[in-house]
PDB file of N, CA and C in Angstrom:
ATOM      1  N   MET A   1     248.707 -12.296  75.739  1.00  0.00           N
ATOM      2  CA  MET A   1     249.763 -11.698  74.939  1.00  0.00           C
ATOM      3  C   MET A   1     250.500 -10.633  75.712  1.00  0.00           C
ATOM      4  N   LYS A   2     251.753 -10.471  75.281  1.00  0.00           N
ATOM      5  CA  LYS A   2     252.632  -9.422  75.899  1.00  0.00           C
ATOM      6  C   LYS A   2     252.872  -8.286  74.868  1.00  0.00           C
ATOM      7  N   ASP A   3     253.049  -7.004  75.345  1.00  0.00           N
ATOM      8  CA  ASP A   3     253.385  -5.923  74.443  1.00  0.00           C
ATOM      9  C   ASP A   3     254.793  -6.231  74.041  1.00  0.00           C
ATOM     10  N   VAL A   4     254.969  -5.640  72.777  1.00  0.00           N
ATOM     11  CA  VAL A   4     256.262  -5.890  72.251  1.00  0.00           C
ATOM     12  C   VAL A   4     256.850  -4.459  71.728  1.00  0.00           C
ATOM     13  N   LEU A   5     258.210  -4.262  71.896  1.00  0.00           N
ATOM     14  CA  LEU A   5     258.937  -3.105  71.443  1.00  0.00           C
ATOM     15  C   LEU A   5     259.957  -3.365  70.491  1.00  0.00           C
ATOM     16  N   VAL A   6     260.044  -2.811  69.287  1.00  0.00           N
ATOM     17  CA  VAL A   6     261.173  -2.994  68.433  1.00  0.00           C
ATOM     18  C   VAL A   6     261.668  -1.728  67.864  1.00  0.00           C
ATOM     19  N   VAL A   7     262.888  -1.794  67.285  1.00  0.00           N
ATOM     20  CA  VAL A   7     263.308  -0.678  66.691  1.00  0.00           C
ATOM     21  C   VAL A   7     263.368  -1.000  65.111  1.00  0.00           C
ATOM     22  N   ALA A   8     262.613   0.014  64.344  1.00  0.00           N
ATOM     23  CA  ALA A   8     262.407  -0.302  62.954  1.00  0.00           C
ATOM     24  C   ALA A   8     263.900  -0.258  62.224  1.00  0.00           C
ATOM     25  N   PRO A   9     264.083  -1.254  61.369  1.00  0.00           N
ATOM     26  CA  PRO A   9     263.199  -2.159  60.663  1.00  0.00           C
ATOM     27  C   PRO A   9     263.361  -3.544  61.147  1.00  0.00           C
ATOM     28  N   ALA A  10     263.368  -3.729  62.438  1.00  0.00           N
ATOM     29  CA  ALA A  10     263.411  -5.114  63.028  1.00  0.00           C
ATOM     30  C   ALA A  10     262.075  -5.792  62.740  1.00  0.00           C
ATOM     31  N   THR A  11     262.306  -7.219  62.972  1.00  0.00           N
ATOM     32  CA  THR A  11     261.151  -7.913  62.825  1.00  0.00           C
ATOM     33  C   THR A  11     260.413  -7.948  64.062  1.00  0.00           C
ATOM     34  N   ALA A  12     259.146  -7.890  64.029  1.00  0.00           N
ATOM     35  CA  ALA A  12     258.294  -8.045  65.505  1.00  0.00           C
ATOM     36  C   ALA A  12     257.500  -9.409  65.258  1.00  0.00           C
ATOM     37  N   THR A  13     257.482 -10.040  66.600  1.00  0.00           N
ATOM     38  CA  THR A  13     256.650 -11.218  66.614  1.00  0.00           C
ATOM     39  C   THR A  13     255.746 -11.083  67.786  1.00  0.00           C
ATOM     40  N   LEU A  14     254.422 -11.215  67.547  1.00  0.00           N
ATOM     41  CA  LEU A  14     253.352 -11.192  68.625  1.00  0.00           C
ATOM     42  C   LEU A  14     252.925 -12.647  68.765  1.00  0.00           C
ATOM     43  N   THR A  15     252.868 -13.053  70.012  1.00  0.00           N
ATOM     44  CA  THR A  15     252.461 -14.591  70.294  1.00  0.00           C
ATOM     45  C   THR A  15     251.260 -14.583  71.229  1.00  0.00           C
ATOM     46  N   CYS A  16     250.356 -15.539  70.770  1.00  0.00           N
ATOM     47  CA  CYS A  16     249.019 -15.625  71.670  1.00  0.00           C
ATOM     48  C   CYS A  16     249.083 -17.175  71.796  1.00  0.00           C
ATOM     49  N   ASN A  17     249.017 -17.539  73.155  1.00  0.00           N
ATOM     50  CA  ASN A  17     248.944 -18.862  73.823  1.00  0.00           C
ATOM     51  C   ASN A  17     247.503 -19.209  73.989  1.00  0.00           C
ATOM     52  N   LEU A  18     247.018 -20.315  73.419  1.00  0.00           N
ATOM     53  CA  LEU A  18     245.605 -20.798  73.666  1.00  0.00           C
ATOM     54  C   LEU A  18     245.493 -21.903  74.259  1.00  0.00           C
ATOM     55  N   LYS A  19     244.532 -22.035  75.162  1.00  0.00           N
ATOM     56  CA  LYS A  19     244.200 -23.430  75.922  1.00  0.00           C
ATOM     57  C   LYS A  19     243.596 -24.451  74.805  1.00  0.00           C
ATOM     58  N   PRO A  20     243.872 -25.653  75.013  1.00  0.00           N
ATOM     59  CA  PRO A  20     243.289 -26.622  74.081  1.00  0.00           C
ATOM     60  C   PRO A  20     241.746 -26.587  73.901  1.00  0.00           C
ATOM     61  N   CYS A  21     241.311 -26.605  72.671  1.00  0.00           N
ATOM     62  CA  CYS A  21     239.790 -26.496  72.599  1.00  0.00           C
ATOM     63  C   CYS A  21     239.434 -27.341  71.290  1.00  0.00           C
ATOM     64  N   GLU A  22     238.192 -27.906  71.284  1.00  0.00           N
ATOM     65  CA  GLU A  22     237.616 -28.564  70.041  1.00  0.00           C
ATOM     66  C   GLU A  22     236.279 -27.977  69.777  1.00  0.00           C
ATOM     67  N   PRO A  23     236.070 -27.731  68.474  1.00  0.00           N
ATOM     68  CA  PRO A  23     236.897 -28.092  67.282  1.00  0.00           C
ATOM     69  C   PRO A  23     238.018 -27.020  67.350  1.00  0.00           C
ATOM     70  N   VAL A  24     239.160 -27.220  66.587  1.00  0.00           N
ATOM     71  CA  VAL A  24     240.242 -26.345  66.682  1.00  0.00           C
ATOM     72  C   VAL A  24     239.791 -25.041  65.877  1.00  0.00           C
ATOM     73  N   PRO A  25     240.199 -23.980  66.622  1.00  0.00           N
ATOM     74  CA  PRO A  25     239.638 -22.655  66.303  1.00  0.00           C
ATOM     75  C   PRO A  25     240.323 -22.092  64.948  1.00  0.00           C
ATOM     76  N   LYS A  26     239.664 -21.082  64.342  1.00  0.00           N
ATOM     77  CA  LYS A  26     240.197 -20.317  63.281  1.00  0.00           C
ATOM     78  C   LYS A  26     240.830 -19.121  63.944  1.00  0.00           C
ATOM     79  N   ILE A  27     242.046 -18.749  63.623  1.00  0.00           N
ATOM     80  CA  ILE A  27     242.821 -17.574  64.323  1.00  0.00           C
ATOM     81  C   ILE A  27     242.729 -16.460  63.201  1.00  0.00           C
ATOM     82  N   THR A  28     242.375 -15.312  63.773  1.00  0.00           N
ATOM     83  CA  THR A  28     242.434 -14.069  62.921  1.00  0.00           C
ATOM     84  C   THR A  28     243.213 -13.021  63.800  1.00  0.00           C
ATOM     85  N   TRP A  29     243.904 -12.217  63.044  1.00  0.00           N
ATOM     86  CA  TRP A  29     244.621 -11.172  63.676  1.00  0.00           C
ATOM     87  C   TRP A  29     244.161  -9.686  63.205  1.00  0.00           C
ATOM     88  N   SER A  30     244.130  -8.791  63.937  1.00  0.00           N
ATOM     89  CA  SER A  30     243.684  -7.402  63.605  1.00  0.00           C
ATOM     90  C   SER A  30     244.620  -6.440  64.188  1.00  0.00           C
ATOM     91  N   LYS A  31     244.654  -5.227  63.522  1.00  0.00           N
ATOM     92  CA  LYS A  31     245.443  -4.144  63.789  1.00  0.00           C
ATOM     93  C   LYS A  31     244.418  -2.910  64.039  1.00  0.00           C
ATOM     94  N   GLY A  32     244.124  -2.498  65.174  1.00  0.00           N
ATOM     95  CA  GLY A  32     243.194  -1.583  65.494  1.00  0.00           C
ATOM     96  C   GLY A  32     241.885  -2.277  65.184  1.00  0.00           C
ATOM     97  N   ALA A  33     241.029  -1.564  64.325  1.00  0.00           N
ATOM     98  CA  ALA A  33     239.742  -2.227  63.841  1.00  0.00           C
ATOM     99  C   ALA A  33     239.788  -3.026  62.498  1.00  0.00           C
ATOM    100  N   ARG A  34     240.980  -3.253  62.031  1.00  0.00           N
ATOM    101  CA  ARG A  34     241.126  -3.806  60.664  1.00  0.00           C
ATOM    102  C   ARG A  34     241.773  -5.105  60.790  1.00  0.00           C
ATOM    103  N   ASP A  35     241.237  -6.034  60.008  1.00  0.00           N
ATOM    104  CA  ASP A  35     241.716  -7.409  59.833  1.00  0.00           C
ATOM    105  C   ASP A  35     243.088  -7.378  59.021  1.00  0.00           C
ATOM    106  N   ILE A  36     244.022  -8.298  59.484  1.00  0.00           N
ATOM    107  CA  ILE A  36     245.324  -8.405  58.795  1.00  0.00           C
ATOM    108  C   ILE A  36     245.317  -9.576  57.959  1.00  0.00           C
ATOM    109  N   ASP A  37     245.675  -9.597  56.711  1.00  0.00           N
ATOM    110  CA  ASP A  37     245.702 -10.668  55.848  1.00  0.00           C
ATOM    111  C   ASP A  37     247.225 -11.183  55.819  1.00  0.00           C
ATOM    112  N   ALA A  38     247.359 -12.540  55.837  1.00  0.00           N
ATOM    113  CA  ALA A  38     248.842 -12.946  55.612  1.00  0.00           C
ATOM    114  C   ALA A  38     249.351 -12.651  54.183  1.00  0.00           C
ATOM    115  N   GLY A  39     250.667 -12.389  54.119  1.00  0.00           N
ATOM    116  CA  GLY A  39     251.184 -11.957  52.959  1.00  0.00           C
ATOM    117  C   GLY A  39     252.169 -10.771  53.120  1.00  0.00           C
ATOM    118  N   GLY A  40     252.954 -10.502  52.014  1.00  0.00           N
ATOM    119  CA  GLY A  40     253.722  -9.254  52.131  1.00  0.00           C
ATOM    120  C   GLY A  40     254.654  -9.413  53.458  1.00  0.00           C
ATOM    121  N   ARG A  41     254.588  -8.432  54.307  1.00  0.00           N
ATOM    122  CA  ARG A  41     255.254  -8.345  55.519  1.00  0.00           C
ATOM    123  C   ARG A  41     254.762  -9.128  56.680  1.00  0.00           C
ATOM    124  N   TYR A  42     253.486  -9.643  56.522  1.00  0.00           N
ATOM    125  CA  TYR A  42     252.806 -10.340  57.552  1.00  0.00           C
ATOM    126  C   TYR A  42     252.860 -11.802  57.321  1.00  0.00           C
ATOM    127  N   GLU A  43     253.246 -12.684  58.411  1.00  0.00           N
ATOM    128  CA  GLU A  43     253.300 -14.013  58.339  1.00  0.00           C
ATOM    129  C   GLU A  43     252.481 -14.467  59.637  1.00  0.00           C
ATOM    130  N   MET A  44     251.553 -15.462  59.513  1.00  0.00           N
ATOM    131  CA  MET A  44     250.784 -15.979  60.473  1.00  0.00           C
ATOM    132  C   MET A  44     250.998 -17.401  60.570  1.00  0.00           C
ATOM    133  N   THR A  45     251.134 -17.903  61.849  1.00  0.00           N
ATOM    134  CA  THR A  45     251.200 -19.375  61.999  1.00  0.00           C
ATOM    135  C   THR A  45     250.300 -19.703  63.261  1.00  0.00           C
ATOM    136  N   PHE A  46     249.909 -21.020  63.333  1.00  0.00           N
ATOM    137  CA  PHE A  46     249.221 -21.634  64.541  1.00  0.00           C
ATOM    138  C   PHE A  46     249.608 -23.097  64.644  1.00  0.00           C
ATOM    139  N   ALA A  47     250.372 -23.440  65.676  1.00  0.00           N
ATOM    140  CA  ALA A  47     250.698 -24.799  65.785  1.00  0.00           C
ATOM    141  C   ALA A  47     250.787 -24.933  67.458  1.00  0.00           C
ATOM    142  N   ASP A  48     250.468 -26.140  67.814  1.00  0.00           N
ATOM    143  CA  ASP A  48     250.481 -26.542  69.221  1.00  0.00           C
ATOM    144  C   ASP A  48     250.027 -25.457  70.305  1.00  0.00           C
ATOM    145  N   GLY A  49     248.882 -24.943  69.816  1.00  0.00           N
ATOM    146  CA  GLY A  49     248.224 -23.998  70.712  1.00  0.00           C
ATOM    147  C   GLY A  49     248.731 -22.568  70.773  1.00  0.00           C
ATOM    148  N   VAL A  50     249.801 -22.368  69.898  1.00  0.00           N
ATOM    149  CA  VAL A  50     250.395 -20.955  69.786  1.00  0.00           C
ATOM    150  C   VAL A  50     250.115 -20.320  68.594  1.00  0.00           C
ATOM    151  N   ALA A  51     249.564 -19.154  68.535  1.00  0.00           N
ATOM    152  CA  ALA A  51     249.389 -18.393  67.268  1.00  0.00           C
ATOM    153  C   ALA A  51     250.397 -17.200  67.343  1.00  0.00           C
ATOM    154  N   THR A  52     250.962 -17.169  66.180  1.00  0.00           N
ATOM    155  CA  THR A  52     252.016 -16.177  66.007  1.00  0.00           C
ATOM    156  C   THR A  52     251.810 -15.265  64.860  1.00  0.00           C
ATOM    157  N   LEU A  53     252.032 -13.966  65.057  1.00  0.00           N
ATOM    158  CA  LEU A  53     252.004 -12.932  63.974  1.00  0.00           C
ATOM    159  C   LEU A  53     253.410 -12.329  63.867  1.00  0.00           C
ATOM    160  N   THR A  54     254.066 -12.482  62.848  1.00  0.00           N
ATOM    161  CA  THR A  54     255.369 -11.938  62.342  1.00  0.00           C
ATOM    162  C   THR A  54     255.198 -10.787  61.422  1.00  0.00           C
ATOM    163  N   ILE A  55     255.791  -9.704  61.896  1.00  0.00           N
ATOM    164  CA  ILE A  55     255.669  -8.477  60.975  1.00  0.00           C
ATOM    165  C   ILE A  55     257.159  -8.154  60.540  1.00  0.00           C
ATOM    166  N   LYS A  56     257.444  -8.293  59.313  1.00  0.00           N
ATOM    167  CA  LYS A  56     258.895  -8.125  58.900  1.00  0.00           C
ATOM    168  C   LYS A  56     259.070  -6.581  58.474  1.00  0.00           C
ATOM    169  N   ASP A  57     260.134  -6.131  58.600  1.00  0.00           N
ATOM    170  CA  ASP A  57     260.498  -4.753  58.240  1.00  0.00           C
ATOM    171  C   ASP A  57     259.712  -3.757  58.868  1.00  0.00           C
ATOM    172  N   THR A  58     259.507  -3.670  60.145  1.00  0.00           N
ATOM    173  CA  THR A  58     258.618  -2.860  60.767  1.00  0.00           C
ATOM    174  C   THR A  58     258.958  -1.355  60.500  1.00  0.00           C
ATOM    175  N   GLU A  59     257.907  -0.601  60.550  1.00  0.00           N
ATOM    176  CA  GLU A  59     257.820   0.837  60.184  1.00  0.00           C
ATOM    177  C   GLU A  59     257.044   1.470  61.347  1.00  0.00           C
ATOM    178  N   ALA A  60     257.204   2.856  61.364  1.00  0.00           N
ATOM    179  CA  ALA A  60     256.482   3.501  62.366  1.00  0.00           C
ATOM    180  C   ALA A  60     254.848   3.329  62.374  1.00  0.00           C
ATOM    181  N   LYS A  61     254.389   3.208  61.033  1.00  0.00           N
ATOM    182  CA  LYS A  61     252.950   2.908  60.992  1.00  0.00           C
ATOM    183  C   LYS A  61     252.450   1.559  61.461  1.00  0.00           C
ATOM    184  N   ASP A  62     253.333   0.686  61.877  1.00  0.00           N
ATOM    185  CA  ASP A  62     252.946  -0.493  62.495  1.00  0.00           C
ATOM    186  C   ASP A  62     252.794  -0.371  64.021  1.00  0.00           C
ATOM    187  N   ASP A  63     253.126   0.676  64.556  1.00  0.00           N
ATOM    188  CA  ASP A  63     252.925   1.060  65.937  1.00  0.00           C
ATOM    189  C   ASP A  63     251.468   1.161  66.187  1.00  0.00           C
ATOM    190  N   SER A  64     250.855   0.148  67.024  1.00  0.00           N
ATOM    191  CA  SER A  64     249.382   0.036  67.228  1.00  0.00           C
ATOM    192  C   SER A  64     249.098  -1.115  68.127  1.00  0.00           C
ATOM    193  N   ASP A  65     247.660  -1.235  68.452  1.00  0.00           N
ATOM    194  CA  ASP A  65     247.175  -2.240  69.151  1.00  0.00           C
ATOM    195  C   ASP A  65     246.890  -3.290  68.260  1.00  0.00           C
ATOM    196  N   TYR A  66     247.111  -4.683  68.600  1.00  0.00           N
ATOM    197  CA  TYR A  66     246.949  -5.867  67.860  1.00  0.00           C
ATOM    198  C   TYR A  66     246.173  -6.724  68.722  1.00  0.00           C
ATOM    199  N   LYS A  67     245.300  -7.474  67.864  1.00  0.00           N
ATOM    200  CA  LYS A  67     244.230  -8.364  68.623  1.00  0.00           C
ATOM    201  C   LYS A  67     244.286  -9.834  67.912  1.00  0.00           C
ATOM    202  N   CYS A  68     244.399 -10.831  68.682  1.00  0.00           N
ATOM    203  CA  CYS A  68     244.370 -12.226  68.169  1.00  0.00           C
ATOM    204  C   CYS A  68     242.938 -12.818  68.575  1.00  0.00           C
ATOM    205  N   THR A  69     242.205 -13.246  67.702  1.00  0.00           N
ATOM    206  CA  THR A  69     240.919 -13.861  67.910  1.00  0.00           C
ATOM    207  C   THR A  69     240.896 -15.395  67.523  1.00  0.00           C
ATOM    208  N   ALA A  70     240.445 -16.187  68.436  1.00  0.00           N
ATOM    209  CA  ALA A  70     240.357 -17.521  68.276  1.00  0.00           C
ATOM    210  C   ALA A  70     238.951 -17.879  68.187  1.00  0.00           C
ATOM    211  N   THR A  71     238.299 -18.419  67.082  1.00  0.00           N
ATOM    212  CA  THR A  71     236.887 -18.608  66.934  1.00  0.00           C
ATOM    213  C   THR A  71     236.625 -20.017  66.374  1.00  0.00           C
ATOM    214  N   ASN A  72     235.498 -20.826  67.212  1.00  0.00           N
ATOM    215  CA  ASN A  72     235.152 -21.985  66.760  1.00  0.00           C
ATOM    216  C   ASN A  72     233.686 -22.108  66.933  1.00  0.00           C
ATOM    217  N   LYS A  73     232.999 -23.286  66.775  1.00  0.00           N
ATOM    218  CA  LYS A  73     231.473 -23.334  66.769  1.00  0.00           C
ATOM    219  C   LYS A  73     230.908 -22.877  68.150  1.00  0.00           C
ATOM    220  N   VAL A  74     231.770 -23.109  69.213  1.00  0.00           N
ATOM    221  CA  VAL A  74     231.367 -22.973  70.483  1.00  0.00           C
ATOM    222  C   VAL A  74     231.415 -21.520  71.120  1.00  0.00           C
ATOM    223  N   GLY A  75     232.459 -20.804  70.442  1.00  0.00           N
ATOM    224  CA  GLY A  75     232.571 -19.381  70.880  1.00  0.00           C
ATOM    225  C   GLY A  75     233.802 -18.783  70.396  1.00  0.00           C
ATOM    226  N   LYS A  76     234.188 -17.606  71.010  1.00  0.00           N
ATOM    227  CA  LYS A  76     235.524 -17.129  70.673  1.00  0.00           C
ATOM    228  C   LYS A  76     236.197 -16.487  71.910  1.00  0.00           C
ATOM    229  N   ALA A  77     237.545 -16.284  71.657  1.00  0.00           N
ATOM    230  CA  ALA A  77     238.409 -15.779  72.720  1.00  0.00           C
ATOM    231  C   ALA A  77     239.320 -14.730  72.022  1.00  0.00           C
ATOM    232  N   GLU A  78     239.726 -13.744  72.925  1.00  0.00           N
ATOM    233  CA  GLU A  78     240.473 -12.719  72.264  1.00  0.00           C
ATOM    234  C   GLU A  78     241.608 -12.261  73.263  1.00  0.00           C
ATOM    235  N   ALA A  79     242.598 -11.787  72.700  1.00  0.00           N
ATOM    236  CA  ALA A  79     243.795 -11.284  73.473  1.00  0.00           C
ATOM    237  C   ALA A  79     244.405 -10.166  72.740  1.00  0.00           C
ATOM    238  N   ASN A  80     244.868  -9.148  73.408  1.00  0.00           N
ATOM    239  CA  ASN A  80     245.316  -7.918  72.855  1.00  0.00           C
ATOM    240  C   ASN A  80     246.752  -7.600  73.301  1.00  0.00           C
ATOM    241  N   ALA A  81     247.575  -6.992  72.391  1.00  0.00           N
ATOM    242  CA  ALA A  81     249.046  -6.564  72.829  1.00  0.00           C
ATOM    243  C   ALA A  81     249.204  -5.332  72.094  1.00  0.00           C
ATOM    244  N   TYR A  82     250.035  -4.573  72.579  1.00  0.00           N
ATOM    245  CA  TYR A  82     250.438  -3.228  71.813  1.00  0.00           C
ATOM    246  C   TYR A  82     251.922  -3.507  71.272  1.00  0.00           C
ATOM    247  N   LEU A  83     252.113  -3.059  70.076  1.00  0.00           N
ATOM    248  CA  LEU A  83     253.391  -2.923  69.359  1.00  0.00           C
ATOM    249  C   LEU A  83     253.848  -1.599  69.178  1.00  0.00           C
ATOM    250  N   THR A  84     255.020  -1.368  69.936  1.00  0.00           N
ATOM    251  CA  THR A  84     255.620  -0.022  69.793  1.00  0.00           C
ATOM    252  C   THR A  84     256.833  -0.136  68.839  1.00  0.00           C
ATOM    253  N   VAL A  85     256.912   0.605  67.973  1.00  0.00           N
ATOM    254  CA  VAL A  85     257.986   0.691  66.968  1.00  0.00           C
ATOM    255  C   VAL A  85     258.707   2.033  67.136  1.00  0.00           C
ATOM    256  N   HIS A  86     259.991   1.968  67.461  1.00  0.00           N
ATOM    257  CA  HIS A  86     260.867   3.106  67.655  1.00  0.00           C
ATOM    258  C   HIS A  86     261.569   3.261  66.335  1.00  0.00           C
ATOM    259  N   SER A  87     262.160   4.295  65.933  1.00  0.00           N
ATOM    260  CA  SER A  87     262.928   4.559  64.809  1.00  0.00           C
ATOM    261  C   SER A  87     264.229   5.355  65.264  1.00  0.00           C
ATOM    262  N   LYS A  88     265.358   5.062  64.496  1.00  0.00           N
ATOM    263  CA  LYS A  88     266.693   5.960  64.770  1.00  0.00           C
ATOM    264  C   LYS A  88     266.305   7.277  64.193  1.00  0.00           C
ATOM    265  N   CYS A  89     266.957   8.315  64.821  1.00  0.00           N
ATOM    266  CA  CYS A  89     266.831   9.455  64.351  1.00  0.00           C
ATOM    267  C   CYS A  89     267.773   9.787  63.074  1.00  0.00           C
ATOM    268  N   GLN A  90     267.333  10.359  62.094  1.00  0.00           N
ATOM    269  CA  GLN A  90     268.144  10.612  60.869  1.00  0.00           C
ATOM    270  C   GLN A  90     267.835  11.958  60.361  1.00  0.00           C
ATOM    271  N   THR A  91     268.759  12.447  59.632  1.00  0.00           N
ATOM    272  CA  THR A  91     268.612  13.707  58.920  1.00  0.00           C
ATOM    273  C   THR A  91     268.296  13.558  57.390  1.00  0.00           C
ATOM    274  N   ASN A  92     267.657  14.429  56.818  1.00  0.00           N
ATOM    275  CA  ASN A  92     267.377  14.422  55.444  1.00  0.00           C
ATOM    276  C   ASN A  92     268.358  15.250  54.615  1.00  0.00           C
ATOM    277  N   GLN A  93     269.308  15.934  55.296  1.00  0.00           N
ATOM    278  CA  GLN A  93     270.061  16.841  54.688  1.00  0.00           C
ATOM    279  C   GLN A  93     271.591  16.534  54.957  1.00  0.00           C
ATOM    280  N   THR A  94     272.540  16.821  54.124  1.00  0.00           N
ATOM    281  CA  THR A  94     273.858  16.641  54.410  1.00  0.00           C
ATOM    282  C   THR A  94     274.507  17.816  54.970  1.00  0.00           C
ATOM    283  N   MET A  95     275.342  17.761  55.870  1.00  0.00           N
ATOM    284  CA  MET A  95     275.837  18.970  56.518  1.00  0.00           C
ATOM    285  C   MET A  95     277.145  19.385  55.526  1.00  0.00           C
ATOM    286  N   SER A  96     277.282  20.748  55.425  1.00  0.00           N
ATOM    287  CA  SER A  96     278.412  21.331  54.725  1.00  0.00           C
ATOM    288  C   SER A  96     279.473  21.919  55.624  1.00  0.00           C
ATOM    289  N   ARG A  97     280.626  21.925  55.276  1.00  0.00           N
ATOM    290  CA  ARG A  97     281.676  22.685  56.107  1.00  0.00           C
ATOM    291  C   ARG A  97     281.934  23.976  55.465  1.00  0.00           C
ATOM    292  N   TYR A  98     282.011  24.977  56.419  1.00  0.00           N
ATOM    293  CA  TYR A  98     282.390  26.361  55.964  1.00  0.00           C
ATOM    294  C   TYR A  98     283.728  26.661  56.461  1.00  0.00           C
TER     295      TYR A  98
END
């Protein structure tokens, strides 16, 4: 896996390439120590040996280490990547003219 950098609120895509194995593995994704469930802003796919995690509308809180884990009866393999999320500078106040 490769580290990814996005500017919020862009969509981030993390990709994990797997070598062919039997039986077909179960793919899980985690952020830090917490597992990620598909749904909401998270979309997960696995096809042709490529596991993909897509995070829509990224936010600063998405900036973290992500792990892809492939598990089958024979064992497991893991890969890590870091997602860096930058955001544009904004002000919370309107400026007035004097």
